[in-house]
Amino acid sequence: MLETAMFIGLSLVAVWAYVRFPRLRPGSLMRAVAHVVVSFVVFALLPATLGLVLPAAPSPGLVPYVVLALLIPSLTYLFLSWVWLIGRVLHDLLGGTPRGGLPASDS
């Protein structure tokens, strides 16, 4: 249950970052795909990174905090990269223009 709650919470943080910071969104589909690839590489390297960092922890009580300090940003970036990709695909498919309604006047 804790794992599910963490996934939902970090997914909501990724969606919030997508909505709150539109300047960070990739400008093209290739950049969005590149972010997904980079996020998967970062997430795949996380166990090796933990293997190097955890033995250097000053006390065994700090190990969970070190794991969470590395896991939360990498997992959030993974979710955010997917939100960017889905948003970019939808933007490209829908043309980025509103559909329906009357055209806006200049005055």
C-alpha atoms as a PDB file:
ATOM      1  CA  MET A   1       0.000   0.000   0.000  1.00  0.00           C
ATOM      2  CA  LEU A   2       2.872   2.370   0.709  1.00  0.00           C
ATOM      3  CA  GLU A   3       4.364   1.691  -2.732  1.00  0.00           C
ATOM      4  CA  THR A   4       1.062   2.501  -4.433  1.00  0.00           C
ATOM      5  CA  ALA A   5       0.686   5.682  -2.407  1.00  0.00           C
ATOM      6  CA  MET A   6       4.209   6.752  -3.341  1.00  0.00           C
ATOM      7  CA  PHE A   7       3.552   6.122  -7.055  1.00  0.00           C
ATOM      8  CA  ILE A   8       0.290   8.074  -6.949  1.00  0.00           C
ATOM      9  CA  GLY A   9       1.871  10.917  -4.987  1.00  0.00           C
ATOM     10  CA  LEU A  10       4.893  11.238  -7.253  1.00  0.00           C
ATOM     11  CA  SER A  11       2.667  11.017 -10.321  1.00  0.00           C
ATOM     12  CA  LEU A  12       0.601  13.890  -8.979  1.00  0.00           C
ATOM     13  CA  VAL A  13       3.795  15.877  -8.374  1.00  0.00           C
ATOM     14  CA  ALA A  14       4.793  15.212 -12.005  1.00  0.00           C
ATOM     15  CA  VAL A  15       1.414  16.399 -13.286  1.00  0.00           C
ATOM     16  CA  TRP A  16       1.621  19.456 -11.032  1.00  0.00           C
ATOM     17  CA  ALA A  17       5.095  20.267 -12.407  1.00  0.00           C
ATOM     18  CA  TYR A  18       3.781  19.855 -15.963  1.00  0.00           C
ATOM     19  CA  VAL A  19       0.957  22.317 -15.332  1.00  0.00           C
ATOM     20  CA  ARG A  20       2.918  24.719 -13.127  1.00  0.00           C
ATOM     21  CA  PHE A  21       6.070  25.011 -15.252  1.00  0.00           C
ATOM     22  CA  PRO A  22       5.100  25.070 -18.944  1.00  0.00           C
ATOM     23  CA  ARG A  23       8.514  26.480 -19.924  1.00  0.00           C
ATOM     24  CA  LEU A  24      10.150  23.179 -18.964  1.00  0.00           C
ATOM     25  CA  ARG A  25       8.092  21.208 -21.476  1.00  0.00           C
ATOM     26  CA  PRO A  26      10.033  19.824 -24.433  1.00  0.00           C
ATOM     27  CA  GLY A  27       9.456  21.701 -27.679  1.00  0.00           C
ATOM     28  CA  SER A  28       9.447  18.689 -29.964  1.00  0.00           C
ATOM     29  CA  LEU A  29       8.481  15.046 -29.943  1.00  0.00           C
ATOM     30  CA  MET A  30      12.118  13.969 -30.247  1.00  0.00           C
ATOM     31  CA  ARG A  31      13.084  15.943 -27.156  1.00  0.00           C
ATOM     32  CA  ALA A  32      10.204  14.381 -25.231  1.00  0.00           C
ATOM     33  CA  VAL A  33      11.348  10.912 -26.301  1.00  0.00           C
ATOM     34  CA  ALA A  34      14.918  11.820 -25.327  1.00  0.00           C
ATOM     35  CA  HIS A  35      13.702  12.793 -21.845  1.00  0.00           C
ATOM     36  CA  VAL A  36      11.952   9.427 -21.514  1.00  0.00           C
ATOM     37  CA  VAL A  37      15.135   7.596 -22.548  1.00  0.00           C
ATOM     38  CA  VAL A  38      17.285   9.631 -20.150  1.00  0.00           C
ATOM     39  CA  SER A  39      14.828   9.059 -17.301  1.00  0.00           C
ATOM     40  CA  PHE A  40      14.914   5.298 -17.904  1.00  0.00           C
ATOM     41  CA  VAL A  41      18.726   5.331 -17.934  1.00  0.00           C
ATOM     42  CA  VAL A  42      18.829   7.327 -14.696  1.00  0.00           C
ATOM     43  CA  PHE A  43      16.324   4.970 -13.085  1.00  0.00           C
ATOM     44  CA  ALA A  44      18.216   1.901 -14.326  1.00  0.00           C
ATOM     45  CA  LEU A  45      21.480   3.240 -12.882  1.00  0.00           C
ATOM     46  CA  LEU A  46      19.881   3.852  -9.494  1.00  0.00           C
ATOM     47  CA  PRO A  47      20.751   0.414  -8.018  1.00  0.00           C
ATOM     48  CA  ALA A  48      24.401   0.787  -9.053  1.00  0.00           C
ATOM     49  CA  THR A  49      24.474   4.289  -7.591  1.00  0.00           C
ATOM     50  CA  LEU A  50      22.980   3.027  -4.353  1.00  0.00           C
ATOM     51  CA  GLY A  51      25.579   0.252  -4.280  1.00  0.00           C
ATOM     52  CA  LEU A  52      28.298   2.888  -4.368  1.00  0.00           C
ATOM     53  CA  VAL A  53      26.698   5.401  -2.008  1.00  0.00           C
ATOM     54  CA  LEU A  54      25.205   3.214   0.723  1.00  0.00           C
ATOM     55  CA  PRO A  55      28.494   1.756   2.018  1.00  0.00           C
ATOM     56  CA  ALA A  56      29.693   5.332   2.550  1.00  0.00           C
ATOM     57  CA  ALA A  57      26.710   6.184   4.778  1.00  0.00           C
ATOM     58  CA  PRO A  58      27.957   7.227   8.212  1.00  0.00           C
ATOM     59  CA  SER A  59      25.347   5.196  10.072  1.00  0.00           C
ATOM     60  CA  PRO A  60      22.918   2.415   9.188  1.00  0.00           C
ATOM     61  CA  GLY A  61      20.045   4.611  10.326  1.00  0.00           C
ATOM     62  CA  LEU A  62      20.650   6.998   7.424  1.00  0.00           C
ATOM     63  CA  VAL A  63      20.333   4.295   4.740  1.00  0.00           C
ATOM     64  CA  PRO A  64      16.547   4.672   4.213  1.00  0.00           C
ATOM     65  CA  TYR A  65      16.935   8.436   3.887  1.00  0.00           C
ATOM     66  CA  VAL A  66      19.708   8.081   1.322  1.00  0.00           C
ATOM     67  CA  VAL A  67      17.613   5.608  -0.666  1.00  0.00           C
ATOM     68  CA  LEU A  68      14.597   7.926  -0.619  1.00  0.00           C
ATOM     69  CA  ALA A  69      16.732  10.969  -1.442  1.00  0.00           C
ATOM     70  CA  LEU A  70      17.862   9.253  -4.641  1.00  0.00           C
ATOM     71  CA  LEU A  71      14.665   7.353  -5.456  1.00  0.00           C
ATOM     72  CA  ILE A  72      12.132  10.184  -5.204  1.00  0.00           C
ATOM     73  CA  PRO A  73      13.761  12.588  -7.716  1.00  0.00           C
ATOM     74  CA  SER A  74      14.564   9.850 -10.231  1.00  0.00           C
ATOM     75  CA  LEU A  75      11.074   8.362 -10.072  1.00  0.00           C
ATOM     76  CA  THR A  76       9.468  11.803 -10.293  1.00  0.00           C
ATOM     77  CA  TYR A  77      11.570  12.585 -13.376  1.00  0.00           C
ATOM     78  CA  LEU A  78      10.506   9.260 -14.879  1.00  0.00           C
ATOM     79  CA  PHE A  79       6.831  10.119 -14.391  1.00  0.00           C
ATOM     80  CA  LEU A  80       7.343  13.706 -15.557  1.00  0.00           C
ATOM     81  CA  SER A  81       9.055  12.580 -18.745  1.00  0.00           C
ATOM     82  CA  TRP A  82       6.060  10.377 -19.563  1.00  0.00           C
ATOM     83  CA  VAL A  83       3.669  13.244 -18.862  1.00  0.00           C
ATOM     84  CA  TRP A  84       5.766  15.421 -21.187  1.00  0.00           C
ATOM     85  CA  LEU A  85       5.663  12.753 -23.878  1.00  0.00           C
ATOM     86  CA  ILE A  86       1.905  12.248 -23.613  1.00  0.00           C
ATOM     87  CA  GLY A  87       1.342  16.017 -23.584  1.00  0.00           C
ATOM     88  CA  ARG A  88       3.563  16.470 -26.645  1.00  0.00           C
ATOM     89  CA  VAL A  89       1.810  13.692 -28.564  1.00  0.00           C
ATOM     90  CA  LEU A  90      -1.605  15.132 -27.726  1.00  0.00           C
ATOM     91  CA  HIS A  91      -0.439  18.620 -28.690  1.00  0.00           C
ATOM     92  CA  ASP A  92       0.850  17.355 -32.037  1.00  0.00           C
ATOM     93  CA  LEU A  93      -2.244  15.249 -32.727  1.00  0.00           C
ATOM     94  CA  LEU A  94      -4.737  17.943 -31.826  1.00  0.00           C
ATOM     95  CA  GLY A  95      -2.768  20.663 -33.564  1.00  0.00           C
ATOM     96  CA  GLY A  96      -2.401  22.806 -30.474  1.00  0.00           C
ATOM     97  CA  THR A  97      -5.479  24.836 -31.385  1.00  0.00           C
ATOM     98  CA  PRO A  98      -8.826  24.806 -29.655  1.00  0.00           C
ATOM     99  CA  ARG A  99     -11.563  22.997 -31.509  1.00  0.00           C
ATOM    100  CA  GLY A 100     -15.079  24.271 -31.995  1.00  0.00           C
ATOM    101  CA  GLY A 101     -16.609  27.570 -31.072  1.00  0.00           C
ATOM    102  CA  LEU A 102     -16.435  30.835 -32.880  1.00  0.00           C
ATOM    103  CA  PRO A 103     -13.151  32.380 -33.992  1.00  0.00           C
ATOM    104  CA  ALA A 104     -11.875  35.138 -31.729  1.00  0.00           C
ATOM    105  CA  SER A 105     -12.046  38.662 -33.050  1.00  0.00           C
ATOM    106  CA  ASP A 106      -9.087  41.053 -33.033  1.00  0.00           C
ATOM    107  CA  SER A 107     -10.996  43.843 -31.304  1.00  0.00           C
END
